[in-house]
């Protein structure tokens, strides 16, 4: 301990979700003193992300948590089936066609969080539940004020990692400035039991020209996370609570979700709607504070990249910290890499939004040109949302997707 018996750590993570817990696990394993400050004593369903894309599974493998997630709380989806305008555009075998040779991994979010936090503790990290970081003095070392059970304590750390999600108090505490896309899409989700959908398929239904999209992500045993997304200019009201559930089902079925999927379905959690605009911090490191996951960049949930981006951030930060004793330089190296991989996903997600969700005559003409070609040749779909930022994403890929080649 430092003078005055103040507790000292190498890393303090604000937030114990997938990012904070995974980072705590991998850094504690390397002998670093890690503290996780987690606000919630018991995790609840808050309609958060519950799927890792194939490229996210690749990051989980590198972090040593892929088998843990799969075996303790996960369910694997091998196929991506896309339906638009009443026709099937494709059925893609993700095991055979992604760089990682795997599919989408789904899980119940609270179970995933508990699994990873327990693993972090077993790896040597300290975890405080029901605690909050209320103040932060940046620098080297940084000082964090933690409030827990009415008591207040200041601890000292070499690095602070903000991993506290889209609300991101760490952005404010670290004095980061966020940027945001204009409002465009909204996204509703609900956990359902007794869903009669194929249990190895990520089911995707779009209504091009109308601005609607629906997904079913099975979690096994008849449980699935179901989503409905819509463009803000459709005039559709937010889908919230029990009163919105029948509207959620009707809207999904109207655009082509098979009615038998929801015939006996019943809610296993709340229905809520989120704004879809990306929000991000450019270069998310400064003065001994690094942001990861949604704290660094909140990705539009319509395209399911948030969890994978979080683990990519964890991997990039881990690699930077382990490569040098100069953690300030490591923080800047991490931030540069974060910007690179986030920019690819952000850009390509925008292309998907233009094709599937944008409204108006120009968007209709773009779809009329692009979608028939993509149905004939599914390789026209850009692959970063599946295989990650290393998949091609240059302007030639965009022109091919838009049918301009």
Protein backbone atom coordinates (compact mmCIF):
# COMPACT_ATOMS: atom_id res chain seq x y z
CA UNK A 1 0.00 0.00 0.00
CA UNK A 2 1.04 3.62 -0.51
CA UNK A 3 1.44 6.24 2.20
CA UNK A 4 -1.58 6.52 4.46
CA UNK A 5 -2.49 2.86 3.82
CA UNK A 6 -4.32 3.78 0.62
CA UNK A 7 -5.05 0.68 -1.46
CA UNK A 8 -3.17 0.56 -4.74
CA UNK A 9 -3.90 -1.33 -7.94
CA UNK A 10 -2.47 -1.66 -11.40
CA UNK A 11 -5.93 -1.47 -13.02
CA UNK A 12 -9.34 -0.40 -11.77
CA UNK A 13 -12.23 -1.11 -14.11
CA UNK A 14 -15.42 0.90 -13.72
CA UNK A 15 -18.03 -1.71 -14.67
CA UNK A 16 -18.08 -5.49 -14.42
CA UNK A 17 -19.82 -6.45 -17.63
CA UNK A 18 -18.29 -8.42 -20.46
CA UNK A 19 -15.52 -5.86 -21.04
CA UNK A 20 -14.54 -5.09 -17.45
CA UNK A 21 -14.71 -8.72 -16.35
CA UNK A 22 -12.81 -10.07 -19.36
CA UNK A 23 -10.05 -7.50 -18.97
CA UNK A 24 -9.81 -8.20 -15.23
CA UNK A 25 -9.49 -11.91 -15.94
CA UNK A 26 -6.72 -11.65 -18.53
CA UNK A 27 -4.67 -9.03 -16.65
CA UNK A 28 -5.00 -10.71 -13.24
CA UNK A 29 -3.75 -13.92 -14.83
CA UNK A 30 -0.57 -12.02 -15.75
CA UNK A 31 -0.03 -11.04 -12.12
CA UNK A 32 -1.48 -7.54 -12.18
CA UNK A 33 -3.52 -6.18 -9.28
CA UNK A 34 -7.00 -5.56 -10.67
CA UNK A 35 -10.11 -4.13 -9.00
CA UNK A 36 -13.55 -4.31 -10.65
CA UNK A 37 -16.10 -1.77 -9.41
CA UNK A 38 -19.57 -3.02 -10.33
CA UNK A 39 -22.71 -1.04 -9.49
CA UNK A 40 -25.18 -3.95 -9.56
CA UNK A 41 -25.34 -6.53 -6.79
CA UNK A 42 -27.54 -8.78 -8.92
CA UNK A 43 -27.70 -8.60 -12.70
CA UNK A 44 -31.17 -8.29 -14.27
CA UNK A 45 -32.48 -8.44 -17.81
CA UNK A 46 -32.20 -4.93 -19.21
CA UNK A 47 -32.58 -5.84 -22.90
CA UNK A 48 -28.84 -5.64 -23.48
CA UNK A 49 -26.80 -7.28 -26.21
CA UNK A 50 -26.82 -11.06 -26.08
CA UNK A 51 -24.88 -12.26 -29.10
CA UNK A 52 -21.28 -12.46 -30.23
CA UNK A 53 -20.70 -12.33 -33.98
CA UNK A 54 -18.20 -14.83 -35.37
CA UNK A 55 -15.43 -12.23 -35.17
CA UNK A 56 -16.35 -11.61 -31.54
CA UNK A 57 -15.94 -15.31 -30.86
CA UNK A 58 -12.49 -15.05 -32.43
CA UNK A 59 -11.61 -12.35 -29.88
CA UNK A 60 -13.09 -14.49 -27.08
CA UNK A 61 -10.82 -17.35 -28.15
CA UNK A 62 -7.78 -15.08 -27.97
CA UNK A 63 -8.84 -14.00 -24.46
CA UNK A 64 -9.39 -17.57 -23.30
CA UNK A 65 -13.12 -17.20 -22.61
CA UNK A 66 -14.79 -18.66 -25.71
CA UNK A 67 -15.16 -22.20 -24.37
CA UNK A 68 -16.18 -20.84 -20.98
CA UNK A 69 -19.02 -18.82 -22.49
CA UNK A 70 -20.09 -21.62 -24.80
CA UNK A 71 -20.13 -24.29 -22.09
CA UNK A 72 -21.49 -22.28 -19.14
CA UNK A 73 -24.13 -20.05 -20.71
CA UNK A 74 -23.90 -20.08 -24.51
CA UNK A 75 -25.81 -21.37 -27.51
CA UNK A 76 -24.36 -21.53 -31.03
CA UNK A 77 -26.18 -20.44 -34.21
CA UNK A 78 -24.70 -21.87 -37.37
CA UNK A 79 -26.85 -20.23 -40.06
CA UNK A 80 -27.83 -16.70 -41.05
CA UNK A 81 -31.13 -16.73 -42.92
CA UNK A 82 -32.15 -13.46 -44.58
CA UNK A 83 -35.67 -12.77 -45.85
CA UNK A 84 -36.72 -9.54 -47.56
CA UNK A 85 -39.93 -8.60 -49.29
CA UNK A 86 -41.39 -12.05 -48.73
CA UNK A 87 -38.45 -13.87 -50.35
CA UNK A 88 -35.40 -15.60 -48.89
CA UNK A 89 -32.27 -13.80 -49.97
CA UNK A 90 -29.91 -16.39 -48.56
CA UNK A 91 -29.13 -19.04 -45.99
CA UNK A 92 -25.48 -18.73 -45.06
CA UNK A 93 -23.49 -21.43 -43.28
CA UNK A 94 -21.32 -19.26 -41.05
CA UNK A 95 -19.06 -22.14 -40.04
CA UNK A 96 -18.10 -22.58 -43.69
CA UNK A 97 -17.89 -18.92 -44.75
CA UNK A 98 -16.47 -16.73 -41.94
CA UNK A 99 -12.80 -16.14 -41.27
CA UNK A 100 -13.24 -17.60 -37.77
CA UNK A 101 -15.13 -20.69 -39.03
CA UNK A 102 -17.85 -20.30 -36.41
CA UNK A 103 -21.34 -18.86 -35.97
CA UNK A 104 -23.12 -16.44 -33.63
CA UNK A 105 -22.92 -17.25 -29.92
CA UNK A 106 -26.00 -16.25 -27.92
CA UNK A 107 -26.47 -16.19 -24.15
CA UNK A 108 -28.60 -14.71 -21.39
CA UNK A 109 -26.81 -11.49 -20.48
CA UNK A 110 -26.98 -11.77 -16.66
CA UNK A 111 -25.68 -15.36 -16.83
CA UNK A 112 -22.78 -14.23 -19.01
CA UNK A 113 -21.90 -11.44 -16.57
CA UNK A 114 -21.94 -13.74 -13.55
CA UNK A 115 -19.84 -16.32 -15.39
CA UNK A 116 -17.14 -13.82 -16.33
CA UNK A 117 -17.05 -12.08 -12.97
CA UNK A 118 -16.58 -15.41 -11.18
CA UNK A 119 -13.78 -16.22 -13.61
CA UNK A 120 -12.15 -12.85 -12.94
CA UNK A 121 -12.19 -13.56 -9.19
CA UNK A 122 -10.79 -17.06 -9.75
CA UNK A 123 -7.99 -15.47 -11.79
CA UNK A 124 -7.02 -13.20 -8.89
CA UNK A 125 -9.01 -10.01 -9.49
CA UNK A 126 -10.88 -8.24 -6.69
CA UNK A 127 -14.55 -7.52 -7.42
CA UNK A 128 -16.73 -5.13 -5.45
CA UNK A 129 -20.46 -5.41 -6.09
CA UNK A 130 -22.91 -2.65 -5.18
CA UNK A 131 -20.10 -0.09 -5.49
CA UNK A 132 -19.81 3.06 -7.61
CA UNK A 133 -16.97 5.28 -8.75
CA UNK A 134 -18.12 8.79 -7.84
CA UNK A 135 -15.02 10.87 -8.54
CA UNK A 136 -11.80 10.51 -10.49
CA UNK A 137 -8.53 12.40 -10.38
CA UNK A 138 -6.74 11.52 -13.60
CA UNK A 139 -3.00 11.22 -13.96
CA UNK A 140 -0.21 8.87 -12.96
CA UNK A 141 -1.26 7.48 -10.61
CA UNK A 142 -5.00 8.12 -10.86
CA UNK A 143 -7.17 8.42 -7.75
CA UNK A 144 -10.69 6.97 -7.76
CA UNK A 145 -13.31 7.68 -5.13
CA UNK A 146 -15.49 4.61 -4.53
CA UNK A 147 -18.76 4.63 -2.63
CA UNK A 148 -19.88 1.30 -1.18
CA UNK A 149 -22.48 0.56 1.54
CA UNK A 150 -22.43 4.16 2.70
CA UNK A 151 -18.65 4.24 3.04
CA UNK A 152 -16.32 6.28 0.83
CA UNK A 153 -12.79 5.19 -0.07
CA UNK A 154 -10.13 6.61 -2.34
CA UNK A 155 -7.89 4.11 -4.12
CA UNK A 156 -4.82 4.64 -6.28
CA UNK A 157 -4.27 2.97 -9.64
CA UNK A 158 -1.87 2.93 -12.53
CA UNK A 159 -4.71 2.74 -15.07
CA UNK A 160 -8.46 3.37 -14.96
CA UNK A 161 -10.60 1.48 -17.49
CA UNK A 162 -14.12 2.75 -18.16
CA UNK A 163 -16.23 -0.30 -19.01
CA UNK A 164 -19.60 0.94 -17.78
CA UNK A 165 -21.69 0.71 -20.93
CA UNK A 166 -23.77 3.16 -22.89
CA UNK A 167 -24.57 5.37 -19.88
CA UNK A 168 -20.79 5.68 -19.33
CA UNK A 169 -20.21 7.72 -16.19
CA UNK A 170 -16.54 7.07 -16.97
CA UNK A 171 -16.78 9.37 -19.99
CA UNK A 172 -17.81 12.22 -17.70
CA UNK A 173 -15.34 11.35 -14.95
CA UNK A 174 -12.49 11.12 -17.45
CA UNK A 175 -13.58 14.35 -19.20
CA UNK A 176 -13.95 12.74 -22.60
CA UNK A 177 -16.03 14.42 -25.31
CA UNK A 178 -18.45 12.17 -27.20
CA UNK A 179 -19.66 12.50 -30.77
CA UNK A 180 -22.93 11.08 -32.08
CA UNK A 181 -24.58 10.20 -35.37
CA UNK A 182 -27.87 11.89 -36.27
CA UNK A 183 -30.96 10.01 -35.08
CA UNK A 184 -32.08 7.44 -37.64
CA UNK A 185 -33.06 3.99 -36.28
CA UNK A 186 -34.76 2.69 -33.16
CA UNK A 187 -34.49 -0.85 -31.89
CA UNK A 188 -36.81 -2.83 -29.59
CA UNK A 189 -35.98 -6.12 -27.89
CA UNK A 190 -37.61 -8.69 -25.62
CA UNK A 191 -36.68 -12.09 -24.22
CA UNK A 192 -39.28 -14.75 -25.07
CA UNK A 193 -39.86 -18.35 -23.98
CA UNK A 194 -41.59 -21.07 -26.04
CA UNK A 195 -40.40 -19.66 -29.37
CA UNK A 196 -40.84 -22.23 -32.14
CA UNK A 197 -37.92 -21.07 -34.30
CA UNK A 198 -35.08 -23.26 -35.61
CA UNK A 199 -32.51 -23.32 -32.82
CA UNK A 200 -29.41 -23.11 -35.00
CA UNK A 201 -30.50 -20.14 -37.14
CA UNK A 202 -30.08 -16.37 -36.71
CA UNK A 203 -33.33 -15.37 -38.43
CA UNK A 204 -33.36 -11.97 -40.16
CA UNK A 205 -36.45 -10.46 -41.80
CA UNK A 206 -36.40 -7.06 -43.52
CA UNK A 207 -39.03 -4.92 -45.21
CA UNK A 208 -36.96 -2.87 -47.68
CA UNK A 209 -38.58 0.45 -48.52
CA UNK A 210 -40.71 0.40 -45.38
CA UNK A 211 -37.92 0.85 -42.84
CA UNK A 212 -38.58 -2.21 -40.68
CA UNK A 213 -36.41 -5.18 -39.67
CA UNK A 214 -36.92 -8.09 -37.26
CA UNK A 215 -34.56 -10.70 -35.80
CA UNK A 216 -34.79 -13.86 -33.74
CA UNK A 217 -31.67 -15.06 -31.88
CA UNK A 218 -32.44 -18.45 -30.26
CA UNK A 219 -30.72 -19.18 -26.95
CA UNK A 220 -31.71 -22.85 -26.76
CA UNK A 221 -34.58 -24.66 -25.06
CA UNK A 222 -37.22 -22.53 -26.79
CA UNK A 223 -35.87 -19.26 -25.40
CA UNK A 224 -34.94 -16.49 -27.84
CA UNK A 225 -34.14 -12.82 -27.86
CA UNK A 226 -36.43 -11.18 -30.41
CA UNK A 227 -35.87 -7.74 -31.90
CA UNK A 228 -37.75 -5.25 -34.04
CA UNK A 229 -36.05 -2.24 -35.59
CA UNK A 230 -37.59 0.72 -37.37
CA UNK A 231 -36.61 3.97 -39.03
CA UNK A 232 -37.58 7.07 -37.07
CA UNK A 233 -39.45 8.45 -40.10
CA UNK A 234 -41.88 5.52 -40.18
CA UNK A 235 -43.86 7.24 -37.43
CA UNK A 236 -43.95 4.05 -35.39
CA UNK A 237 -44.16 4.60 -31.63
CA UNK A 238 -41.69 3.04 -29.23
CA UNK A 239 -42.49 -0.52 -28.18
CA UNK A 240 -42.42 -0.63 -24.40
CA UNK A 241 -43.78 -2.85 -21.61
CA UNK A 242 -46.62 -5.35 -21.69
CA UNK A 243 -48.85 -3.02 -23.71
CA UNK A 244 -46.35 -3.01 -26.57
CA UNK A 245 -45.88 -6.77 -26.80
CA UNK A 246 -48.84 -7.47 -29.10
CA UNK A 247 -47.73 -4.61 -31.38
CA UNK A 248 -44.22 -6.06 -31.40
CA UNK A 249 -45.51 -9.46 -32.54
CA UNK A 250 -47.93 -8.02 -35.11
CA UNK A 251 -45.29 -5.76 -36.64
CA UNK A 252 -42.77 -8.62 -36.84
CA UNK A 253 -45.26 -10.96 -38.49
CA UNK A 254 -46.47 -8.29 -40.91
CA UNK A 255 -43.00 -8.02 -42.44
CA UNK A 256 -42.53 -11.78 -42.74
CA UNK A 257 -41.58 -13.29 -39.39
CA UNK A 258 -43.29 -16.73 -39.43
CA UNK A 259 -46.37 -16.55 -37.15
CA UNK A 260 -45.66 -20.02 -35.76
CA UNK A 261 -42.48 -18.66 -34.14
CA UNK A 262 -44.54 -16.56 -31.72
CA UNK A 263 -47.74 -18.62 -31.56
CA UNK A 264 -47.08 -19.84 -28.00
CA UNK A 265 -44.34 -17.37 -27.04
CA UNK A 266 -44.50 -15.61 -23.69
CA UNK A 267 -42.29 -12.85 -22.30
CA UNK A 268 -39.40 -13.83 -20.04
CA UNK A 269 -38.19 -10.25 -19.58
CA UNK A 270 -39.10 -6.63 -20.31
CA UNK A 271 -39.78 -5.12 -23.74
CA UNK A 272 -37.87 -1.88 -24.32
CA UNK A 273 -36.81 0.35 -27.21
CA UNK A 274 -33.42 2.03 -27.65
CA UNK A 275 -32.16 4.80 -29.92
CA UNK A 276 -29.85 3.35 -32.55
CA UNK A 277 -27.49 6.24 -33.28
CA UNK A 278 -23.81 5.49 -32.67
CA UNK A 279 -22.07 7.53 -29.98
CA UNK A 280 -18.30 7.43 -29.68
CA UNK A 281 -15.18 9.00 -28.22
CA UNK A 282 -12.40 9.65 -30.70
CA UNK A 283 -9.13 8.27 -29.31
CA UNK A 284 -10.56 6.85 -26.06
CA UNK A 285 -7.47 7.21 -23.89
CA UNK A 286 -6.14 10.21 -21.97
CA UNK A 287 -4.29 10.88 -18.71
CA UNK A 288 -4.35 7.33 -17.37
CA UNK A 289 -7.96 6.56 -18.37
CA UNK A 290 -8.96 4.17 -21.18
CA UNK A 291 -12.53 3.57 -22.33
CA UNK A 292 -13.61 0.21 -23.75
CA UNK A 293 -16.83 -1.26 -25.14
CA UNK A 294 -19.92 0.95 -25.16
CA UNK A 295 -18.11 3.54 -23.06
CA UNK A 296 -15.70 4.03 -25.97
CA UNK A 297 -18.19 3.55 -28.81
CA UNK A 298 -21.87 2.69 -28.54
CA UNK A 299 -22.67 0.80 -31.73
CA UNK A 300 -26.13 0.84 -33.32
CA UNK A 301 -27.73 -2.35 -31.89
CA UNK A 302 -29.54 -2.96 -35.18
CA UNK A 303 -26.43 -4.68 -36.49
CA UNK A 304 -25.36 -6.59 -33.38
CA UNK A 305 -21.72 -5.50 -33.21
CA UNK A 306 -21.51 -4.10 -29.67
CA UNK A 307 -20.40 -7.24 -27.81
CA UNK A 308 -17.80 -8.09 -30.43
CA UNK A 309 -16.44 -4.54 -30.42
CA UNK A 310 -16.11 -4.77 -26.64
CA UNK A 311 -14.01 -7.93 -26.74
CA UNK A 312 -11.93 -6.48 -29.57
CA UNK A 313 -11.22 -3.49 -27.33
CA UNK A 314 -10.25 -5.80 -24.45
CA UNK A 315 -7.88 -7.73 -26.68
CA UNK A 316 -6.33 -4.56 -28.09
CA UNK A 317 -5.85 -3.02 -24.65
CA UNK A 318 -4.42 -6.23 -23.21
CA UNK A 319 -1.93 -6.55 -26.05
CA UNK A 320 -0.86 -2.91 -25.71
CA UNK A 321 -0.38 -3.15 -21.94
CA UNK A 322 1.60 -6.37 -22.14
CA UNK A 323 3.88 -5.03 -24.86
CA UNK A 324 5.54 -2.27 -22.81
CA UNK A 325 6.13 -0.99 -19.28
CA UNK A 326 5.13 2.49 -20.49
CA UNK A 327 1.37 2.25 -19.94
CA UNK A 328 0.74 5.81 -21.11
CA UNK A 329 2.20 4.88 -24.50
CA UNK A 330 0.21 1.64 -24.37
CA UNK A 331 -2.99 3.59 -23.75
CA UNK A 332 -2.39 5.73 -26.82
CA UNK A 333 -1.55 2.66 -28.92
CA UNK A 334 -4.78 1.02 -27.77
CA UNK A 335 -6.82 4.12 -28.63
CA UNK A 336 -5.38 4.27 -32.14
CA UNK A 337 -6.22 0.60 -32.70
CA UNK A 338 -9.72 1.08 -31.28
CA UNK A 339 -10.36 3.92 -33.72
CA UNK A 340 -9.20 1.76 -36.60
CA UNK A 341 -11.40 -1.26 -35.90
CA UNK A 342 -14.42 0.78 -34.77
CA UNK A 343 -14.28 2.94 -37.90
CA UNK A 344 -14.54 -0.14 -40.13
CA UNK A 345 -17.59 -1.50 -38.30
CA UNK A 346 -19.24 1.92 -38.09
CA UNK A 347 -18.79 2.54 -41.80
CA UNK A 348 -20.05 -0.86 -42.92
CA UNK A 349 -23.01 -0.76 -40.53
CA UNK A 350 -23.95 2.47 -42.27
CA UNK A 351 -23.98 0.68 -45.61
CA UNK A 352 -26.34 -1.98 -44.25
CA UNK A 353 -28.62 0.75 -42.89
CA UNK A 354 -28.70 2.43 -46.31
CA UNK A 355 -29.66 -0.81 -48.06
CA UNK A 356 -32.15 -2.25 -45.59
CA UNK A 357 -33.54 0.68 -43.63
CA UNK A 358 -33.27 4.00 -45.49
CA UNK A 359 -36.49 5.54 -46.87
CA UNK A 360 -37.21 7.52 -50.03
CA UNK A 361 -36.90 7.27 -53.84
CA UNK A 362 -33.10 7.23 -53.90
CA UNK A 363 -32.98 4.43 -51.34
CA UNK A 364 -35.62 2.48 -53.29
CA UNK A 365 -33.58 2.79 -56.47
CA UNK A 366 -30.44 1.66 -54.65
CA UNK A 367 -32.22 -1.42 -53.31
CA UNK A 368 -33.79 -2.24 -56.68
CA UNK A 369 -30.30 -2.36 -58.12
CA UNK A 370 -28.44 -4.01 -55.22
CA UNK A 371 -30.70 -6.63 -53.64
CA UNK A 372 -31.37 -8.79 -56.72
CA UNK A 373 -27.62 -8.96 -57.34
CA UNK A 374 -26.96 -9.87 -53.71
CA UNK A 375 -29.62 -12.58 -53.82
CA UNK A 376 -27.84 -14.13 -56.80
CA UNK A 377 -24.39 -13.71 -55.23
CA UNK A 378 -24.39 -13.41 -51.40
CA UNK A 379 -20.67 -12.60 -51.40
CA UNK A 380 -21.78 -9.08 -52.33
CA UNK A 381 -22.78 -8.58 -48.69
CA UNK A 382 -19.79 -6.91 -46.93
CA UNK A 383 -18.38 -9.30 -44.34
CA UNK A 384 -17.09 -7.11 -41.46
CA UNK A 385 -20.30 -7.61 -39.41
CA UNK A 386 -19.52 -11.34 -39.47
CA UNK A 387 -15.76 -11.79 -40.00
CA UNK A 388 -14.71 -8.50 -38.41
CA UNK A 389 -12.60 -5.45 -39.29
CA UNK A 390 -10.02 -7.54 -41.15
CA UNK A 391 -12.60 -8.43 -43.81
CA UNK A 392 -12.46 -6.19 -46.92
CA UNK A 393 -14.28 -2.87 -46.48
CA UNK A 394 -12.86 -0.49 -49.06
CA UNK A 395 -14.82 1.49 -51.63
CA UNK A 396 -14.76 -1.40 -54.08
CA UNK A 397 -16.64 -3.48 -51.50
CA UNK A 398 -19.18 -0.68 -51.06
CA UNK A 399 -19.72 -0.32 -54.84
CA UNK A 400 -20.19 -4.06 -55.17
CA UNK A 401 -22.73 -4.14 -52.32
CA UNK A 402 -24.63 -1.22 -53.84
CA UNK A 403 -24.59 -2.82 -57.29
CA UNK A 404 -22.47 -0.04 -58.74
CA UNK A 405 -19.68 -2.27 -60.11
